Amino acid sequence: MSLADAAAAMESKFWGAYRVARAARINDGGSLTLISGFLSERPLATAVLQGAINAALEALARRLALELAPVRVNAVSPGMIETPIWDDLGSNRCGDLQSILGITIKDDEPRSGSKWQCFSQLLDDP
């Protein structure tokens, strides 16, 4: 990955979340949720930057929780979620991605979630 691509990834996922946290005006009793990813806990040689960005987001959430209290700040790691990055994968997208990442889902049928399922679960949290 080029340095420019790495900077763009960091700019989008980490600095984007940081800017939102700084600009947000959260009502009393409200919360801020950042979306991390499993690569922060399960590092891969082929996804070093993504793992570092996710770990940085989780650290940011912990510090923001202290700074923004009593606003709740959380980081969630929803697992494998289909996004446009999957568009170049074949019809067996989930299986192909598992193979690329070198992981196995311990389930009867490997599957991924949609971004809408992820959003729905986040918004359903009381």
C-alpha atoms as a PDB file:
ATOM      1  CA  MET A   1       0.000   0.000   0.000  1.00  0.00           C
ATOM      2  CA  SER A   2       1.354   3.388  -0.911  1.00  0.00           C
ATOM      3  CA  LEU A   3       1.865   6.048   1.734  1.00  0.00           C
ATOM      4  CA  ALA A   4      -0.825   8.154   0.026  1.00  0.00           C
ATOM      5  CA  ASP A   5      -3.341   5.276   0.242  1.00  0.00           C
ATOM      6  CA  ALA A   6      -2.407   4.679   3.876  1.00  0.00           C
ATOM      7  CA  ALA A   7      -2.889   8.370   4.693  1.00  0.00           C
ATOM      8  CA  ALA A   8      -6.271   8.356   2.912  1.00  0.00           C
ATOM      9  CA  ALA A   9      -7.412   5.336   4.943  1.00  0.00           C
ATOM     10  CA  MET A  10      -6.344   6.990   8.193  1.00  0.00           C
ATOM     11  CA  GLU A  11      -7.936  10.284   7.124  1.00  0.00           C
ATOM     12  CA  SER A  12     -11.246   8.624   6.374  1.00  0.00           C
ATOM     13  CA  LYS A  13     -11.739   6.185   9.215  1.00  0.00           C
ATOM     14  CA  PHE A  14      -9.784   7.637  12.151  1.00  0.00           C
ATOM     15  CA  TRP A  15      -9.666  11.376  11.540  1.00  0.00           C
ATOM     16  CA  GLY A  16     -13.230  11.317  10.210  1.00  0.00           C
ATOM     17  CA  ALA A  17     -14.443   9.806  13.491  1.00  0.00           C
ATOM     18  CA  TYR A  18     -12.327  12.279  15.465  1.00  0.00           C
ATOM     19  CA  ARG A  19     -13.829  15.245  13.605  1.00  0.00           C
ATOM     20  CA  VAL A  20     -17.377  13.972  14.129  1.00  0.00           C
ATOM     21  CA  ALA A  21     -16.703  13.501  17.854  1.00  0.00           C
ATOM     22  CA  ARG A  22     -15.405  17.067  18.097  1.00  0.00           C
ATOM     23  CA  ALA A  23     -18.235  18.627  16.094  1.00  0.00           C
ATOM     24  CA  ALA A  24     -21.158  16.611  17.468  1.00  0.00           C
ATOM     25  CA  ARG A  25     -23.555  18.258  19.881  1.00  0.00           C
ATOM     26  CA  ILE A  26     -24.920  15.294  21.815  1.00  0.00           C
ATOM     27  CA  ASN A  27     -28.054  15.740  23.922  1.00  0.00           C
ATOM     28  CA  ASP A  28     -28.158  14.751  27.575  1.00  0.00           C
ATOM     29  CA  GLY A  29     -28.528  10.985  27.795  1.00  0.00           C
ATOM     30  CA  GLY A  30     -27.189  10.576  24.266  1.00  0.00           C
ATOM     31  CA  SER A  31     -24.242   8.566  23.067  1.00  0.00           C
ATOM     32  CA  LEU A  32     -21.553   8.429  20.413  1.00  0.00           C
ATOM     33  CA  THR A  33     -20.700   5.109  18.782  1.00  0.00           C
ATOM     34  CA  LEU A  34     -17.548   4.545  16.727  1.00  0.00           C
ATOM     35  CA  ILE A  35     -17.265   1.509  14.460  1.00  0.00           C
ATOM     36  CA  SER A  36     -14.014  -0.403  14.710  1.00  0.00           C
ATOM     37  CA  GLY A  37     -13.261  -3.835  13.285  1.00  0.00           C
ATOM     38  CA  PHE A  38     -12.006  -7.279  14.219  1.00  0.00           C
ATOM     39  CA  LEU A  39      -8.544  -6.592  12.817  1.00  0.00           C
ATOM     40  CA  SER A  40      -7.703  -4.616  15.958  1.00  0.00           C
ATOM     41  CA  GLU A  41      -7.854  -7.876  17.916  1.00  0.00           C
ATOM     42  CA  ARG A  42      -6.965 -10.357  15.184  1.00  0.00           C
ATOM     43  CA  PRO A  43      -4.051  -8.783  13.318  1.00  0.00           C
ATOM     44  CA  LEU A  44      -3.070 -10.092   9.923  1.00  0.00           C
ATOM     45  CA  ALA A  45       0.163  -9.574   8.035  1.00  0.00           C
ATOM     46  CA  THR A  46      -1.886  -8.496   5.013  1.00  0.00           C
ATOM     47  CA  ALA A  47      -3.952  -5.908   6.915  1.00  0.00           C
ATOM     48  CA  VAL A  48      -1.491  -4.138   9.207  1.00  0.00           C
ATOM     49  CA  LEU A  49      -2.813  -0.629   8.598  1.00  0.00           C
ATOM     50  CA  GLN A  50      -6.482  -1.591   8.958  1.00  0.00           C
ATOM     51  CA  GLY A  51      -5.721  -3.267  12.289  1.00  0.00           C
ATOM     52  CA  ALA A  52      -3.797  -0.235  13.526  1.00  0.00           C
ATOM     53  CA  ILE A  53      -6.598   2.145  12.514  1.00  0.00           C
ATOM     54  CA  ASN A  54      -9.216   0.013  14.271  1.00  0.00           C
ATOM     55  CA  ALA A  55      -7.074  -0.163  17.421  1.00  0.00           C
ATOM     56  CA  ALA A  56      -6.612   3.615  17.293  1.00  0.00           C
ATOM     57  CA  LEU A  57     -10.389   4.080  17.049  1.00  0.00           C
ATOM     58  CA  GLU A  58     -10.916   1.903  20.121  1.00  0.00           C
ATOM     59  CA  ALA A  59      -8.317   3.922  22.046  1.00  0.00           C
ATOM     60  CA  LEU A  60      -9.985   7.136  20.891  1.00  0.00           C
ATOM     61  CA  ALA A  61     -13.359   5.895  22.171  1.00  0.00           C
ATOM     62  CA  ARG A  62     -11.918   5.130  25.614  1.00  0.00           C
ATOM     63  CA  ARG A  63     -10.404   8.611  25.897  1.00  0.00           C
ATOM     64  CA  LEU A  64     -13.470  10.378  24.528  1.00  0.00           C
ATOM     65  CA  ALA A  65     -15.602   8.563  27.113  1.00  0.00           C
ATOM     66  CA  LEU A  66     -13.552  10.273  29.825  1.00  0.00           C
ATOM     67  CA  GLU A  67     -13.541  13.654  28.129  1.00  0.00           C
ATOM     68  CA  LEU A  68     -17.210  13.758  27.094  1.00  0.00           C
ATOM     69  CA  ALA A  69     -18.733  12.217  30.246  1.00  0.00           C
ATOM     70  CA  PRO A  70     -21.617  11.960  31.019  1.00  0.00           C
ATOM     71  CA  VAL A  71     -22.126  11.289  27.277  1.00  0.00           C
ATOM     72  CA  ARG A  72     -21.640   7.564  26.612  1.00  0.00           C
ATOM     73  CA  VAL A  73     -18.948   6.778  24.057  1.00  0.00           C
ATOM     74  CA  ASN A  74     -18.583   3.254  22.680  1.00  0.00           C
ATOM     75  CA  ALA A  75     -16.638   1.470  19.997  1.00  0.00           C
ATOM     76  CA  VAL A  76     -18.201  -1.595  18.406  1.00  0.00           C
ATOM     77  CA  SER A  77     -16.671  -4.248  16.199  1.00  0.00           C
ATOM     78  CA  PRO A  78     -19.513  -5.821  14.244  1.00  0.00           C
ATOM     79  CA  GLY A  79     -17.510  -8.504  12.440  1.00  0.00           C
ATOM     80  CA  MET A  80     -17.690  -9.032   8.693  1.00  0.00           C
ATOM     81  CA  ILE A  81     -20.009  -6.490   7.083  1.00  0.00           C
ATOM     82  CA  GLU A  82     -20.531  -6.354   3.337  1.00  0.00           C
ATOM     83  CA  THR A  83     -19.519  -2.964   1.968  1.00  0.00           C
ATOM     84  CA  PRO A  84     -18.592  -1.754  -1.534  1.00  0.00           C
ATOM     85  CA  ILE A  85     -15.035  -2.997  -0.956  1.00  0.00           C
ATOM     86  CA  TRP A  86     -16.471  -6.489  -1.518  1.00  0.00           C
ATOM     87  CA  ASP A  87     -17.587  -5.640  -5.064  1.00  0.00           C
ATOM     88  CA  ASP A  88     -14.436  -7.121  -6.622  1.00  0.00           C
ATOM     89  CA  LEU A  89     -14.933 -10.477  -4.919  1.00  0.00           C
ATOM     90  CA  GLY A  90     -16.727 -13.382  -6.561  1.00  0.00           C
ATOM     91  CA  SER A  91     -20.188 -14.748  -5.913  1.00  0.00           C
ATOM     92  CA  ASN A  92     -18.934 -16.557  -2.799  1.00  0.00           C
ATOM     93  CA  ARG A  93     -17.953 -13.228  -1.264  1.00  0.00           C
ATOM     94  CA  CYS A  94     -17.945 -14.279   2.358  1.00  0.00           C
ATOM     95  CA  GLY A  95     -15.986 -17.464   1.690  1.00  0.00           C
ATOM     96  CA  ASP A  96     -13.562 -15.590  -0.570  1.00  0.00           C
ATOM     97  CA  LEU A  97     -12.982 -12.900   2.061  1.00  0.00           C
ATOM     98  CA  GLN A  98     -12.460 -15.518   4.759  1.00  0.00           C
ATOM     99  CA  SER A  99      -9.880 -17.159   2.536  1.00  0.00           C
ATOM    100  CA  ILE A 100      -8.112 -13.864   1.807  1.00  0.00           C
ATOM    101  CA  LEU A 101      -8.026 -12.935   5.497  1.00  0.00           C
ATOM    102  CA  GLY A 102      -7.149 -16.445   6.617  1.00  0.00           C
ATOM    103  CA  ILE A 103     -10.059 -16.744   9.036  1.00  0.00           C
ATOM    104  CA  THR A 104     -12.845 -19.229   9.614  1.00  0.00           C
ATOM    105  CA  ILE A 105     -16.328 -18.498  10.856  1.00  0.00           C
ATOM    106  CA  LYS A 106     -17.370 -21.226  13.278  1.00  0.00           C
ATOM    107  CA  ASP A 107     -20.934 -21.470  12.084  1.00  0.00           C
ATOM    108  CA  ASP A 108     -22.867 -23.948   9.997  1.00  0.00           C
ATOM    109  CA  GLU A 109     -23.068 -21.491   7.129  1.00  0.00           C
ATOM    110  CA  PRO A 110     -20.476 -18.741   6.670  1.00  0.00           C
ATOM    111  CA  ARG A 111     -22.195 -15.426   6.255  1.00  0.00           C
ATOM    112  CA  SER A 112     -21.673 -11.736   6.623  1.00  0.00           C
ATOM    113  CA  GLY A 113     -23.929  -8.946   7.725  1.00  0.00           C
ATOM    114  CA  SER A 114     -25.186  -6.074   5.649  1.00  0.00           C
ATOM    115  CA  LYS A 115     -24.424  -2.494   6.594  1.00  0.00           C
ATOM    116  CA  TRP A 116     -28.173  -2.047   7.177  1.00  0.00           C
ATOM    117  CA  GLN A 117     -28.238  -4.903   9.700  1.00  0.00           C
ATOM    118  CA  CYS A 118     -25.312  -3.293  11.490  1.00  0.00           C
ATOM    119  CA  PHE A 119     -26.964   0.138  11.562  1.00  0.00           C
ATOM    120  CA  SER A 120     -30.242  -1.371  12.734  1.00  0.00           C
ATOM    121  CA  GLN A 121     -28.555  -3.091  15.679  1.00  0.00           C
ATOM    122  CA  LEU A 122     -26.695   0.084  16.644  1.00  0.00           C
ATOM    123  CA  LEU A 123     -29.848   2.180  16.581  1.00  0.00           C
ATOM    124  CA  ASP A 124     -31.815  -0.425  18.536  1.00  0.00           C
ATOM    125  CA  ASP A 125     -29.536  -0.054  21.571  1.00  0.00           C
ATOM    126  CA  PRO A 126     -31.541   1.682  24.332  1.00  0.00           C
END
